[in-house]
């Protein structure tokens, strides 16, 4: 049986980094490296979007959220 889970990281950055491809690529790679260390493989592309926060970010800053869906394989052990 498999379960799909969304993994993500958030990054508070200057607003101009929203459109900086180098930063976006580095954020994607960081997330992919973190899930690889945990033994997961992505099943969807990484999505980066501006995230709503509980409190507004400081002036000139935005909160970015990178998300990816991974599949977890559940192993059932029969105790009989």
N, C-alpha and C. Protein backbone atom coordinates (compact mmCIF):
# COMPACT_ATOMS: atom_id res chain seq x y z
N UNK A 1 0.85 -1.18 0.00
CA UNK A 1 0.00 0.00 0.00
C UNK A 1 0.89 1.24 0.00
N UNK A 2 0.51 2.25 -0.76
CA UNK A 2 1.30 3.48 -0.81
C UNK A 2 0.46 4.66 -0.34
N UNK A 3 1.16 5.63 0.20
CA UNK A 3 0.53 6.86 0.66
C UNK A 3 1.28 8.02 0.03
N UNK A 4 0.56 8.98 -0.46
CA UNK A 4 1.20 10.19 -1.01
C UNK A 4 1.21 11.28 0.05
N UNK A 5 2.36 11.94 0.18
CA UNK A 5 2.56 12.98 1.17
C UNK A 5 3.19 14.19 0.49
N UNK A 6 2.78 15.37 0.90
CA UNK A 6 3.38 16.60 0.39
C UNK A 6 4.47 17.06 1.35
N UNK A 7 5.67 17.25 0.83
CA UNK A 7 6.80 17.77 1.61
C UNK A 7 7.08 19.18 1.13
N UNK A 8 7.47 20.04 2.04
CA UNK A 8 7.74 21.41 1.63
C UNK A 8 8.69 22.13 2.56
N UNK A 9 9.23 23.23 2.05
CA UNK A 9 10.05 24.13 2.86
C UNK A 9 9.62 25.55 2.55
N UNK A 10 9.81 26.43 3.51
CA UNK A 10 9.47 27.84 3.32
C UNK A 10 10.74 28.67 3.44
N UNK A 11 10.75 29.79 2.74
CA UNK A 11 11.92 30.66 2.73
C UNK A 11 11.45 32.12 2.69
N UNK A 12 11.85 32.90 3.67
CA UNK A 12 11.53 34.34 3.71
C UNK A 12 12.66 35.07 2.97
N UNK A 13 12.32 35.71 1.86
CA UNK A 13 13.34 36.29 0.98
C UNK A 13 12.92 37.69 0.52
N UNK A 14 13.88 38.47 0.02
CA UNK A 14 13.51 39.74 -0.62
C UNK A 14 12.58 39.46 -1.80
N UNK A 15 11.62 40.34 -2.03
CA UNK A 15 10.58 40.08 -3.04
C UNK A 15 11.14 39.88 -4.45
N UNK A 16 12.28 40.49 -4.78
CA UNK A 16 12.81 40.35 -6.13
C UNK A 16 13.29 38.93 -6.42
N UNK A 17 13.52 38.11 -5.37
CA UNK A 17 13.96 36.73 -5.61
C UNK A 17 12.84 35.83 -6.12
N UNK A 18 11.59 36.29 -6.08
CA UNK A 18 10.48 35.50 -6.59
C UNK A 18 10.71 35.12 -8.06
N UNK A 19 11.31 36.00 -8.83
CA UNK A 19 11.51 35.76 -10.26
C UNK A 19 12.96 35.45 -10.62
N UNK A 20 13.81 35.19 -9.62
CA UNK A 20 15.21 34.88 -9.87
C UNK A 20 15.34 33.37 -10.10
N UNK A 21 15.65 32.99 -11.34
CA UNK A 21 15.68 31.56 -11.69
C UNK A 21 16.78 30.81 -10.94
N UNK A 22 17.90 31.45 -10.68
CA UNK A 22 18.97 30.79 -9.95
C UNK A 22 18.56 30.44 -8.53
N UNK A 23 17.87 31.37 -7.86
CA UNK A 23 17.41 31.10 -6.49
C UNK A 23 16.33 30.02 -6.50
N UNK A 24 15.42 30.10 -7.46
CA UNK A 24 14.35 29.10 -7.55
C UNK A 24 14.93 27.69 -7.78
N UNK A 25 15.95 27.59 -8.64
CA UNK A 25 16.60 26.31 -8.88
C UNK A 25 17.30 25.79 -7.62
N UNK A 26 17.95 26.69 -6.89
CA UNK A 26 18.63 26.29 -5.65
C UNK A 26 17.62 25.83 -4.60
N UNK A 27 16.47 26.51 -4.50
CA UNK A 27 15.43 26.12 -3.56
C UNK A 27 14.86 24.75 -3.93
N UNK A 28 14.63 24.53 -5.22
CA UNK A 28 14.16 23.22 -5.69
C UNK A 28 15.16 22.12 -5.34
N UNK A 29 16.42 22.35 -5.63
CA UNK A 29 17.45 21.34 -5.38
C UNK A 29 17.58 21.06 -3.90
N UNK A 30 17.48 22.08 -3.07
CA UNK A 30 17.56 21.90 -1.61
C UNK A 30 16.43 20.98 -1.13
N UNK A 31 15.21 21.22 -1.63
CA UNK A 31 14.07 20.38 -1.24
C UNK A 31 14.27 18.94 -1.73
N UNK A 32 14.69 18.78 -2.97
CA UNK A 32 14.91 17.43 -3.51
C UNK A 32 16.01 16.69 -2.75
N UNK A 33 17.06 17.41 -2.35
CA UNK A 33 18.13 16.79 -1.56
C UNK A 33 17.62 16.34 -0.20
N UNK A 34 16.78 17.17 0.42
CA UNK A 34 16.24 16.82 1.74
C UNK A 34 15.36 15.58 1.68
N UNK A 35 14.52 15.46 0.65
CA UNK A 35 13.65 14.28 0.59
C UNK A 35 14.45 13.04 0.18
N UNK A 36 15.52 13.22 -0.61
CA UNK A 36 16.36 12.09 -0.99
C UNK A 36 17.08 11.52 0.24
N UNK A 37 17.53 12.39 1.13
CA UNK A 37 18.18 11.94 2.36
C UNK A 37 17.22 11.10 3.20
N UNK A 38 15.94 11.44 3.15
CA UNK A 38 14.93 10.70 3.91
C UNK A 38 14.48 9.43 3.18
N UNK A 39 15.00 9.21 1.98
CA UNK A 39 14.70 7.98 1.25
C UNK A 39 13.47 8.05 0.35
N UNK A 40 12.99 9.25 0.06
CA UNK A 40 11.81 9.40 -0.79
C UNK A 40 12.22 9.82 -2.19
N UNK A 41 11.33 9.54 -3.15
CA UNK A 41 11.51 10.02 -4.51
C UNK A 41 10.27 10.83 -4.87
N UNK A 42 10.45 11.96 -5.56
CA UNK A 42 9.29 12.78 -5.93
C UNK A 42 8.43 12.10 -6.98
N UNK A 43 7.12 12.31 -6.89
CA UNK A 43 6.19 11.79 -7.91
C UNK A 43 5.52 12.94 -8.67
N UNK A 44 5.79 14.17 -8.26
CA UNK A 44 5.30 15.36 -8.97
C UNK A 44 6.45 16.35 -9.08
N UNK A 45 6.37 17.28 -10.01
CA UNK A 45 7.40 18.32 -10.08
C UNK A 45 7.33 19.24 -8.85
N UNK A 46 8.45 19.86 -8.52
CA UNK A 46 8.48 20.82 -7.41
C UNK A 46 7.70 22.06 -7.83
N UNK A 47 6.84 22.53 -6.94
CA UNK A 47 6.08 23.76 -7.17
C UNK A 47 6.59 24.83 -6.21
N UNK A 48 6.84 26.02 -6.72
CA UNK A 48 7.25 27.14 -5.87
C UNK A 48 6.20 28.22 -6.03
N UNK A 49 5.71 28.69 -4.90
CA UNK A 49 4.68 29.73 -4.94
C UNK A 49 4.87 30.66 -3.75
N UNK A 50 4.23 31.80 -3.84
CA UNK A 50 4.24 32.72 -2.71
C UNK A 50 3.23 32.21 -1.70
N UNK A 51 3.67 32.05 -0.46
CA UNK A 51 2.82 31.45 0.57
C UNK A 51 2.22 32.52 1.47
N UNK A 52 0.97 32.30 1.86
CA UNK A 52 0.40 33.19 2.86
C UNK A 52 0.99 32.83 4.23
N UNK A 53 1.29 33.80 5.01
CA UNK A 53 1.83 33.55 6.34
C UNK A 53 0.81 33.92 7.41
N UNK A 54 1.08 33.50 8.63
CA UNK A 54 0.19 33.86 9.73
C UNK A 54 0.29 35.35 10.03
N UNK A 55 1.48 35.89 9.83
CA UNK A 55 1.69 37.34 9.97
C UNK A 55 2.29 37.83 8.67
N UNK A 56 2.00 39.07 8.29
CA UNK A 56 2.57 39.57 7.03
C UNK A 56 4.09 39.70 7.13
N UNK A 57 4.79 39.40 6.03
CA UNK A 57 6.25 39.54 6.05
C UNK A 57 6.64 41.01 6.11
N UNK A 58 7.87 41.30 6.51
CA UNK A 58 8.34 42.69 6.52
C UNK A 58 8.25 43.31 5.12
N UNK A 59 8.23 44.61 5.06
CA UNK A 59 8.16 45.33 3.79
C UNK A 59 9.32 44.91 2.90
N UNK A 60 9.00 44.60 1.65
CA UNK A 60 10.01 44.21 0.68
C UNK A 60 10.38 42.73 0.72
N UNK A 61 9.71 41.97 1.58
CA UNK A 61 10.01 40.54 1.72
C UNK A 61 8.76 39.73 1.35
N UNK A 62 8.97 38.48 0.94
CA UNK A 62 7.86 37.56 0.68
C UNK A 62 8.23 36.18 1.26
N UNK A 63 7.22 35.39 1.50
CA UNK A 63 7.43 34.03 1.97
C UNK A 63 7.20 33.09 0.79
N UNK A 64 8.24 32.37 0.38
CA UNK A 64 8.13 31.40 -0.70
C UNK A 64 7.99 30.01 -0.10
N UNK A 65 7.17 29.18 -0.73
CA UNK A 65 7.01 27.79 -0.31
C UNK A 65 7.26 26.88 -1.50
N UNK A 66 8.19 25.94 -1.32
CA UNK A 66 8.48 24.92 -2.34
C UNK A 66 7.85 23.63 -1.84
N UNK A 67 7.07 22.97 -2.71
CA UNK A 67 6.38 21.74 -2.34
C UNK A 67 6.58 20.67 -3.40
N UNK A 68 6.60 19.43 -2.96
CA UNK A 68 6.68 18.29 -3.86
C UNK A 68 5.92 17.14 -3.20
N UNK A 69 5.31 16.30 -4.02
CA UNK A 69 4.60 15.13 -3.50
C UNK A 69 5.49 13.91 -3.62
N UNK A 70 5.55 13.12 -2.55
CA UNK A 70 6.34 11.89 -2.54
C UNK A 70 5.42 10.72 -2.21
N UNK A 71 5.87 9.53 -2.56
CA UNK A 71 5.12 8.32 -2.25
C UNK A 71 5.83 7.55 -1.15
N UNK A 72 5.05 7.17 -0.15
CA UNK A 72 5.58 6.35 0.94
C UNK A 72 5.01 4.95 0.78
N UNK A 73 5.84 3.96 0.93
CA UNK A 73 5.38 2.59 0.82
C UNK A 73 5.21 2.02 2.22
N UNK A 74 4.00 1.61 2.55
CA UNK A 74 3.71 1.02 3.84
C UNK A 74 3.99 -0.47 3.78
N UNK A 75 4.75 -0.95 4.72
CA UNK A 75 5.06 -2.36 4.78
C UNK A 75 4.25 -2.97 5.92
N UNK A 76 3.45 -3.95 5.58
CA UNK A 76 2.64 -4.61 6.60
C UNK A 76 3.34 -5.89 7.02
N UNK A 77 3.46 -6.07 8.32
CA UNK A 77 4.10 -7.26 8.86
C UNK A 77 3.02 -8.05 9.59
N UNK A 78 2.85 -9.29 9.17
CA UNK A 78 1.85 -10.15 9.78
C UNK A 78 2.47 -10.81 11.01
N UNK A 79 1.87 -10.60 12.15
CA UNK A 79 2.41 -11.12 13.41
C UNK A 79 2.04 -12.56 13.70
N UNK A 80 1.37 -13.24 12.80
CA UNK A 80 0.96 -14.63 13.07
C UNK A 80 2.08 -15.61 12.89
